[in-house]
Amino acid sequence: MQKKQSGSNFTDFLRGSFIFLKFLFPIAIVIVLVSVFAGLFPYVIVIGTPITVAYILYRFLVFLGAKARHNTKIEKIK
């Protein structure tokens, strides 16, 4: 039963990431295409890469926090 619940935390993590990708990925593609034609693509890489890495780290830390919170609740019940 614990495995099922921890799995649901992971699916929540993935679901949040996919929602993020579903809405923002097309916007990111448009920004990249416009910047390529405008000659600003290097600036997009320099600005976009740290933002992307920071978001991925943020989602992962939120996932770990939810998992840790879930584990402490189970330990208290036992």
PDB file of N, CA and C in Angstrom:
ATOM      1  N   MET A   1       0.821  -1.193   0.000  1.00  0.00           N
ATOM      2  CA  MET A   1       0.000   0.000   0.000  1.00  0.00           C
ATOM      3  C   MET A   1       0.868   1.261   0.000  1.00  0.00           C
ATOM      4  N   GLN A   2       1.971   1.214   0.697  1.00  0.00           N
ATOM      5  CA  GLN A   2       2.854   2.374   0.692  1.00  0.00           C
ATOM      6  C   GLN A   2       3.433   2.617  -0.696  1.00  0.00           C
ATOM      7  N   LYS A   3       3.764   1.537  -1.403  1.00  0.00           N
ATOM      8  CA  LYS A   3       4.330   1.698  -2.735  1.00  0.00           C
ATOM      9  C   LYS A   3       3.331   2.376  -3.661  1.00  0.00           C
ATOM     10  N   LYS A   4       2.072   1.997  -3.531  1.00  0.00           N
ATOM     11  CA  LYS A   4       1.053   2.604  -4.378  1.00  0.00           C
ATOM     12  C   LYS A   4       0.956   4.104  -4.102  1.00  0.00           C
ATOM     13  N   GLN A   5       0.984   4.486  -2.819  1.00  0.00           N
ATOM     14  CA  GLN A   5       0.864   5.897  -2.486  1.00  0.00           C
ATOM     15  C   GLN A   5       2.097   6.682  -2.921  1.00  0.00           C
ATOM     16  N   SER A   6       3.295   6.112  -2.725  1.00  0.00           N
ATOM     17  CA  SER A   6       4.492   6.832  -3.158  1.00  0.00           C
ATOM     18  C   SER A   6       4.515   6.929  -4.679  1.00  0.00           C
ATOM     19  N   GLY A   7       3.972   5.915  -5.344  1.00  0.00           N
ATOM     20  CA  GLY A   7       3.865   5.972  -6.796  1.00  0.00           C
ATOM     21  C   GLY A   7       2.931   7.082  -7.236  1.00  0.00           C
ATOM     22  N   SER A   8       1.855   7.306  -6.475  1.00  0.00           N
ATOM     23  CA  SER A   8       0.940   8.377  -6.838  1.00  0.00           C
ATOM     24  C   SER A   8       1.614   9.732  -6.657  1.00  0.00           C
ATOM     25  N   ASN A   9       2.514   9.847  -5.671  1.00  0.00           N
ATOM     26  CA  ASN A   9       3.274  11.089  -5.546  1.00  0.00           C
ATOM     27  C   ASN A   9       4.121  11.310  -6.786  1.00  0.00           C
ATOM     28  N   PHE A  10       4.743  10.236  -7.258  1.00  0.00           N
ATOM     29  CA  PHE A  10       5.587  10.365  -8.446  1.00  0.00           C
ATOM     30  C   PHE A  10       4.742  10.701  -9.668  1.00  0.00           C
ATOM     31  N   THR A  11       3.557  10.104  -9.772  1.00  0.00           N
ATOM     32  CA  THR A  11       2.703  10.431 -10.912  1.00  0.00           C
ATOM     33  C   THR A  11       2.222  11.875 -10.815  1.00  0.00           C
ATOM     34  N   ASP A  12       1.991  12.364  -9.590  1.00  0.00           N
ATOM     35  CA  ASP A  12       1.642  13.779  -9.433  1.00  0.00           C
ATOM     36  C   ASP A  12       2.787  14.662  -9.912  1.00  0.00           C
ATOM     37  N   PHE A  13       4.011  14.263  -9.572  1.00  0.00           N
ATOM     38  CA  PHE A  13       5.194  15.004 -10.023  1.00  0.00           C
ATOM     39  C   PHE A  13       5.247  15.028 -11.546  1.00  0.00           C
ATOM     40  N   LEU A  14       5.048  13.862 -12.161  1.00  0.00           N
ATOM     41  CA  LEU A  14       5.078  13.792 -13.622  1.00  0.00           C
ATOM     42  C   LEU A  14       3.921  14.569 -14.236  1.00  0.00           C
ATOM     43  N   ARG A  15       2.748  14.469 -13.613  1.00  0.00           N
ATOM     44  CA  ARG A  15       1.581  15.169 -14.144  1.00  0.00           C
ATOM     45  C   ARG A  15       1.825  16.677 -14.141  1.00  0.00           C
ATOM     46  N   GLY A  16       2.399  17.189 -13.053  1.00  0.00           N
ATOM     47  CA  GLY A  16       2.711  18.617 -12.990  1.00  0.00           C
ATOM     48  C   GLY A  16       3.712  19.022 -14.049  1.00  0.00           C
ATOM     49  N   SER A  17       4.697  18.174 -14.275  1.00  0.00           N
ATOM     50  CA  SER A  17       5.702  18.477 -15.292  1.00  0.00           C
ATOM     51  C   SER A  17       5.086  18.447 -16.687  1.00  0.00           C
ATOM     52  N   PHE A  18       4.200  17.473 -16.944  1.00  0.00           N
ATOM     53  CA  PHE A  18       3.590  17.387 -18.266  1.00  0.00           C
ATOM     54  C   PHE A  18       2.645  18.553 -18.509  1.00  0.00           C
ATOM     55  N   ILE A  19       1.932  18.983 -17.474  1.00  0.00           N
ATOM     56  CA  ILE A  19       1.060  20.152 -17.629  1.00  0.00           C
ATOM     57  C   ILE A  19       1.912  21.368 -17.986  1.00  0.00           C
ATOM     58  N   PHE A  20       3.052  21.495 -17.285  1.00  0.00           N
ATOM     59  CA  PHE A  20       3.973  22.592 -17.586  1.00  0.00           C
ATOM     60  C   PHE A  20       4.417  22.523 -19.042  1.00  0.00           C
ATOM     61  N   LEU A  21       4.827  21.333 -19.484  1.00  0.00           N
ATOM     62  CA  LEU A  21       5.310  21.178 -20.856  1.00  0.00           C
ATOM     63  C   LEU A  21       4.192  21.396 -21.867  1.00  0.00           C
ATOM     64  N   LYS A  22       3.000  20.917 -21.538  1.00  0.00           N
ATOM     65  CA  LYS A  22       1.872  21.006 -22.464  1.00  0.00           C
ATOM     66  C   LYS A  22       1.526  22.462 -22.787  1.00  0.00           C
ATOM     67  N   PHE A  23       1.570  23.331 -21.775  1.00  0.00           N
ATOM     68  CA  PHE A  23       1.176  24.719 -22.002  1.00  0.00           C
ATOM     69  C   PHE A  23       2.344  25.609 -22.412  1.00  0.00           C
ATOM     70  N   LEU A  24       3.515  25.391 -21.834  1.00  0.00           N
ATOM     71  CA  LEU A  24       4.617  26.310 -22.082  1.00  0.00           C
ATOM     72  C   LEU A  24       5.544  25.873 -23.210  1.00  0.00           C
ATOM     73  N   PHE A  25       5.519  24.598 -23.563  1.00  0.00           N
ATOM     74  CA  PHE A  25       6.413  24.130 -24.625  1.00  0.00           C
ATOM     75  C   PHE A  25       6.100  24.789 -25.971  1.00  0.00           C
ATOM     76  N   PRO A  26       4.829  24.874 -26.389  1.00  0.00           N
ATOM     77  CA  PRO A  26       4.542  25.582 -27.651  1.00  0.00           C
ATOM     78  C   PRO A  26       4.969  27.046 -27.605  1.00  0.00           C
ATOM     79  N   ILE A  27       4.788  27.691 -26.453  1.00  0.00           N
ATOM     80  CA  ILE A  27       5.214  29.086 -26.309  1.00  0.00           C
ATOM     81  C   ILE A  27       6.728  29.177 -26.444  1.00  0.00           C
ATOM     82  N   ALA A  28       7.438  28.222 -25.831  1.00  0.00           N
ATOM     83  CA  ALA A  28       8.899  28.215 -25.914  1.00  0.00           C
ATOM     84  C   ALA A  28       9.355  28.005 -27.355  1.00  0.00           C
ATOM     85  N   ILE A  29       8.672  27.139 -28.095  1.00  0.00           N
ATOM     86  CA  ILE A  29       9.037  26.907 -29.498  1.00  0.00           C
ATOM     87  C   ILE A  29       8.865  28.189 -30.312  1.00  0.00           C
ATOM     88  N   VAL A  30       7.771  28.898 -30.085  1.00  0.00           N
ATOM     89  CA  VAL A  30       7.537  30.155 -30.809  1.00  0.00           C
ATOM     90  C   VAL A  30       8.624  31.171 -30.468  1.00  0.00           C
ATOM     91  N   ILE A  31       8.971  31.285 -29.184  1.00  0.00           N
ATOM     92  CA  ILE A  31      10.018  32.230 -28.775  1.00  0.00           C
ATOM     93  C   ILE A  31      11.342  31.880 -29.442  1.00  0.00           C
ATOM     94  N   VAL A  32      11.678  30.587 -29.463  1.00  0.00           N
ATOM     95  CA  VAL A  32      12.941  30.165 -30.085  1.00  0.00           C
ATOM     96  C   VAL A  32      12.926  30.464 -31.583  1.00  0.00           C
ATOM     97  N   LEU A  33      11.831  30.156 -32.273  1.00  0.00           N
ATOM     98  CA  LEU A  33      11.770  30.411 -33.718  1.00  0.00           C
ATOM     99  C   LEU A  33      11.876  31.897 -34.028  1.00  0.00           C
ATOM    100  N   VAL A  34      11.152  32.716 -33.277  1.00  0.00           N
ATOM    101  CA  VAL A  34      11.220  34.168 -33.501  1.00  0.00           C
ATOM    102  C   VAL A  34      12.628  34.677 -33.229  1.00  0.00           C
ATOM    103  N   SER A  35      13.255  34.179 -32.171  1.00  0.00           N
ATOM    104  CA  SER A  35      14.601  34.648 -31.832  1.00  0.00           C
ATOM    105  C   SER A  35      15.626  34.203 -32.871  1.00  0.00           C
ATOM    106  N   VAL A  36      15.425  33.018 -33.469  1.00  0.00           N
ATOM    107  CA  VAL A  36      16.343  32.563 -34.523  1.00  0.00           C
ATOM    108  C   VAL A  36      16.266  33.514 -35.716  1.00  0.00           C
ATOM    109  N   PHE A  37      15.049  33.889 -36.099  1.00  0.00           N
ATOM    110  CA  PHE A  37      14.905  34.800 -37.239  1.00  0.00           C
ATOM    111  C   PHE A  37      15.391  36.206 -36.897  1.00  0.00           C
ATOM    112  N   ALA A  38      15.285  36.594 -35.639  1.00  0.00           N
ATOM    113  CA  ALA A  38      15.719  37.934 -35.235  1.00  0.00           C
ATOM    114  C   ALA A  38      17.212  37.974 -34.908  1.00  0.00           C
ATOM    115  N   GLY A  39      17.863  36.805 -34.851  1.00  0.00           N
ATOM    116  CA  GLY A  39      19.285  36.768 -34.541  1.00  0.00           C
ATOM    117  C   GLY A  39      19.590  36.853 -33.060  1.00  0.00           C
ATOM    118  N   LEU A  40      18.606  36.582 -32.217  1.00  0.00           N
ATOM    119  CA  LEU A  40      18.789  36.694 -30.764  1.00  0.00           C
ATOM    120  C   LEU A  40      18.899  35.334 -30.089  1.00  0.00           C
ATOM    121  N   PHE A  41      19.081  34.274 -30.883  1.00  0.00           N
ATOM    122  CA  PHE A  41      19.062  32.924 -30.321  1.00  0.00           C
ATOM    123  C   PHE A  41      20.099  32.701 -29.222  1.00  0.00           C
ATOM    124  N   PRO A  42      21.339  33.208 -29.339  1.00  0.00           N
ATOM    125  CA  PRO A  42      22.305  32.993 -28.239  1.00  0.00           C
ATOM    126  C   PRO A  42      21.824  33.578 -26.912  1.00  0.00           C
ATOM    127  N   TYR A  43      21.123  34.713 -26.985  1.00  0.00           N
ATOM    128  CA  TYR A  43      20.618  35.318 -25.748  1.00  0.00           C
ATOM    129  C   TYR A  43      19.525  34.456 -25.129  1.00  0.00           C
ATOM    130  N   VAL A  44      18.692  33.845 -25.976  1.00  0.00           N
ATOM    131  CA  VAL A  44      17.637  32.961 -25.468  1.00  0.00           C
ATOM    132  C   VAL A  44      18.257  31.767 -24.749  1.00  0.00           C
ATOM    133  N   ILE A  45      19.330  31.207 -25.316  1.00  0.00           N
ATOM    134  CA  ILE A  45      19.996  30.071 -24.664  1.00  0.00           C
ATOM    135  C   ILE A  45      20.589  30.502 -23.328  1.00  0.00           C
ATOM    136  N   VAL A  46      21.261  31.658 -23.313  1.00  0.00           N
ATOM    137  CA  VAL A  46      21.916  32.130 -22.085  1.00  0.00           C
ATOM    138  C   VAL A  46      20.883  32.410 -20.996  1.00  0.00           C
ATOM    139  N   ILE A  47      19.735  32.951 -21.362  1.00  0.00           N
ATOM    140  CA  ILE A  47      18.708  33.273 -20.360  1.00  0.00           C
ATOM    141  C   ILE A  47      17.832  32.057 -20.058  1.00  0.00           C
ATOM    142  N   GLY A  48      17.480  31.289 -21.083  1.00  0.00           N
ATOM    143  CA  GLY A  48      16.517  30.198 -20.917  1.00  0.00           C
ATOM    144  C   GLY A  48      17.059  28.976 -20.212  1.00  0.00           C
ATOM    145  N   THR A  49      18.340  28.670 -20.407  1.00  0.00           N
ATOM    146  CA  THR A  49      18.900  27.458 -19.799  1.00  0.00           C
ATOM    147  C   THR A  49      18.877  27.510 -18.273  1.00  0.00           C
ATOM    148  N   PRO A  50      19.358  28.587 -17.629  1.00  0.00           N
ATOM    149  CA  PRO A  50      19.284  28.618 -16.156  1.00  0.00           C
ATOM    150  C   PRO A  50      17.844  28.585 -15.637  1.00  0.00           C
ATOM    151  N   ILE A  51      16.930  29.228 -16.353  1.00  0.00           N
ATOM    152  CA  ILE A  51      15.526  29.216 -15.925  1.00  0.00           C
ATOM    153  C   ILE A  51      14.973  27.797 -16.006  1.00  0.00           C
ATOM    154  N   THR A  52      15.280  27.086 -17.083  1.00  0.00           N
ATOM    155  CA  THR A  52      14.805  25.711 -17.248  1.00  0.00           C
ATOM    156  C   THR A  52      15.382  24.800 -16.178  1.00  0.00           C
ATOM    157  N   VAL A  53      16.683  24.908 -15.941  1.00  0.00           N
ATOM    158  CA  VAL A  53      17.330  24.083 -14.915  1.00  0.00           C
ATOM    159  C   VAL A  53      16.751  24.403 -13.541  1.00  0.00           C
ATOM    160  N   ALA A  54      16.528  25.684 -13.261  1.00  0.00           N
ATOM    161  CA  ALA A  54      15.965  26.076 -11.966  1.00  0.00           C
ATOM    162  C   ALA A  54      14.558  25.503 -11.798  1.00  0.00           C
ATOM    163  N   TYR A  55      13.746  25.523 -12.865  1.00  0.00           N
ATOM    164  CA  TYR A  55      12.394  24.984 -12.759  1.00  0.00           C
ATOM    165  C   TYR A  55      12.413  23.480 -12.519  1.00  0.00           C
ATOM    166  N   ILE A  56      13.301  22.767 -13.234  1.00  0.00           N
ATOM    167  CA  ILE A  56      13.393  21.317 -13.048  1.00  0.00           C
ATOM    168  C   ILE A  56      13.819  20.998 -11.617  1.00  0.00           C
ATOM    169  N   LEU A  57      14.801  21.733 -11.097  1.00  0.00           N
ATOM    170  CA  LEU A  57      15.229  21.526  -9.704  1.00  0.00           C
ATOM    171  C   LEU A  57      14.094  21.837  -8.731  1.00  0.00           C
ATOM    172  N   TYR A  58      13.341  22.911  -9.004  1.00  0.00           N
ATOM    173  CA  TYR A  58      12.221  23.278  -8.141  1.00  0.00           C
ATOM    174  C   TYR A  58      11.171  22.164  -8.105  1.00  0.00           C
ATOM    175  N   ARG A  59      10.802  21.636  -9.283  1.00  0.00           N
ATOM    176  CA  ARG A  59       9.810  20.555  -9.322  1.00  0.00           C
ATOM    177  C   ARG A  59      10.309  19.321  -8.583  1.00  0.00           C
ATOM    178  N   PHE A  60      11.612  19.023  -8.735  1.00  0.00           N
ATOM    179  CA  PHE A  60      12.174  17.851  -8.077  1.00  0.00           C
ATOM    180  C   PHE A  60      12.178  18.038  -6.564  1.00  0.00           C
ATOM    181  N   LEU A  61      12.517  19.239  -6.092  1.00  0.00           N
ATOM    182  CA  LEU A  61      12.521  19.498  -4.649  1.00  0.00           C
ATOM    183  C   LEU A  61      11.106  19.465  -4.078  1.00  0.00           C
ATOM    184  N   VAL A  62      10.139  19.966  -4.825  1.00  0.00           N
ATOM    185  CA  VAL A  62       8.744  19.882  -4.378  1.00  0.00           C
ATOM    186  C   VAL A  62       8.324  18.422  -4.279  1.00  0.00           C
ATOM    187  N   PHE A  63       8.730  17.623  -5.262  1.00  0.00           N
ATOM    188  CA  PHE A  63       8.418  16.192  -5.243  1.00  0.00           C
ATOM    189  C   PHE A  63       9.056  15.520  -4.038  1.00  0.00           C
ATOM    190  N   LEU A  64      10.335  15.827  -3.768  1.00  0.00           N
ATOM    191  CA  LEU A  64      11.010  15.228  -2.610  1.00  0.00           C
ATOM    192  C   LEU A  64      10.358  15.675  -1.305  1.00  0.00           C
ATOM    193  N   GLY A  65       9.956  16.937  -1.233  1.00  0.00           N
ATOM    194  CA  GLY A  65       9.292  17.439  -0.035  1.00  0.00           C
ATOM    195  C   GLY A  65       7.967  16.740   0.204  1.00  0.00           C
ATOM    196  N   ALA A  66       7.195  16.535  -0.859  1.00  0.00           N
ATOM    197  CA  ALA A  66       5.914  15.833  -0.723  1.00  0.00           C
ATOM    198  C   ALA A  66       6.145  14.391  -0.303  1.00  0.00           C
ATOM    199  N   LYS A  67       7.182  13.771  -0.854  1.00  0.00           N
ATOM    200  CA  LYS A  67       7.476  12.384  -0.512  1.00  0.00           C
ATOM    201  C   LYS A  67       7.922  12.281   0.948  1.00  0.00           C
ATOM    202  N   ALA A  68       8.771  13.222   1.394  1.00  0.00           N
ATOM    203  CA  ALA A  68       9.236  13.208   2.785  1.00  0.00           C
ATOM    204  C   ALA A  68       8.068  13.453   3.739  1.00  0.00           C
ATOM    205  N   ARG A  69       7.193  14.378   3.391  1.00  0.00           N
ATOM    206  CA  ARG A  69       6.029  14.663   4.224  1.00  0.00           C
ATOM    207  C   ARG A  69       5.141  13.428   4.316  1.00  0.00           C
ATOM    208  N   HIS A  70       4.970  12.759   3.195  1.00  0.00           N
ATOM    209  CA  HIS A  70       4.149  11.549   3.158  1.00  0.00           C
ATOM    210  C   HIS A  70       4.767  10.455   4.030  1.00  0.00           C
ATOM    211  N   ASN A  71       6.069  10.285   3.958  1.00  0.00           N
ATOM    212  CA  ASN A  71       6.746   9.256   4.748  1.00  0.00           C
ATOM    213  C   ASN A  71       6.654   9.547   6.239  1.00  0.00           C
ATOM    214  N   THR A  72       6.759  10.809   6.645  1.00  0.00           N
ATOM    215  CA  THR A  72       6.671  11.121   8.074  1.00  0.00           C
ATOM    216  C   THR A  72       5.257  10.875   8.589  1.00  0.00           C
ATOM    217  N   LYS A  73       4.249  11.113   7.772  1.00  0.00           N
ATOM    218  CA  LYS A  73       2.878  10.840   8.201  1.00  0.00           C
ATOM    219  C   LYS A  73       2.683   9.348   8.457  1.00  0.00           C
ATOM    220  N   ILE A  74       3.243   8.518   7.592  1.00  0.00           N
ATOM    221  CA  ILE A  74       3.113   7.071   7.775  1.00  0.00           C
ATOM    222  C   ILE A  74       3.821   6.630   9.055  1.00  0.00           C
ATOM    223  N   GLU A  75       4.990   7.191   9.327  1.00  0.00           N
ATOM    224  CA  GLU A  75       5.731   6.811  10.533  1.00  0.00           C
ATOM    225  C   GLU A  75       4.968   7.218  11.791  1.00  0.00           C
ATOM    226  N   LYS A  76       4.295   8.364  11.766  1.00  0.00           N
ATOM    227  CA  LYS A  76       3.538   8.806  12.935  1.00  0.00           C
ATOM    228  C   LYS A  76       2.348   7.880  13.195  1.00  0.00           C
ATOM    229  N   ILE A  77       1.711   7.421  12.136  1.00  0.00           N
ATOM    230  CA  ILE A  77       0.556   6.534  12.298  1.00  0.00           C
ATOM    231  C   ILE A  77       0.989   5.207  12.916  1.00  0.00           C
ATOM    232  N   LYS A  78       2.111   4.685  12.465  1.00  0.00           N
ATOM    233  CA  LYS A  78       2.606   3.426  13.023  1.00  0.00           C
ATOM    234  C   LYS A  78       3.053   3.675  14.433  1.00  0.00           C
TER     235      LYS A  78
END
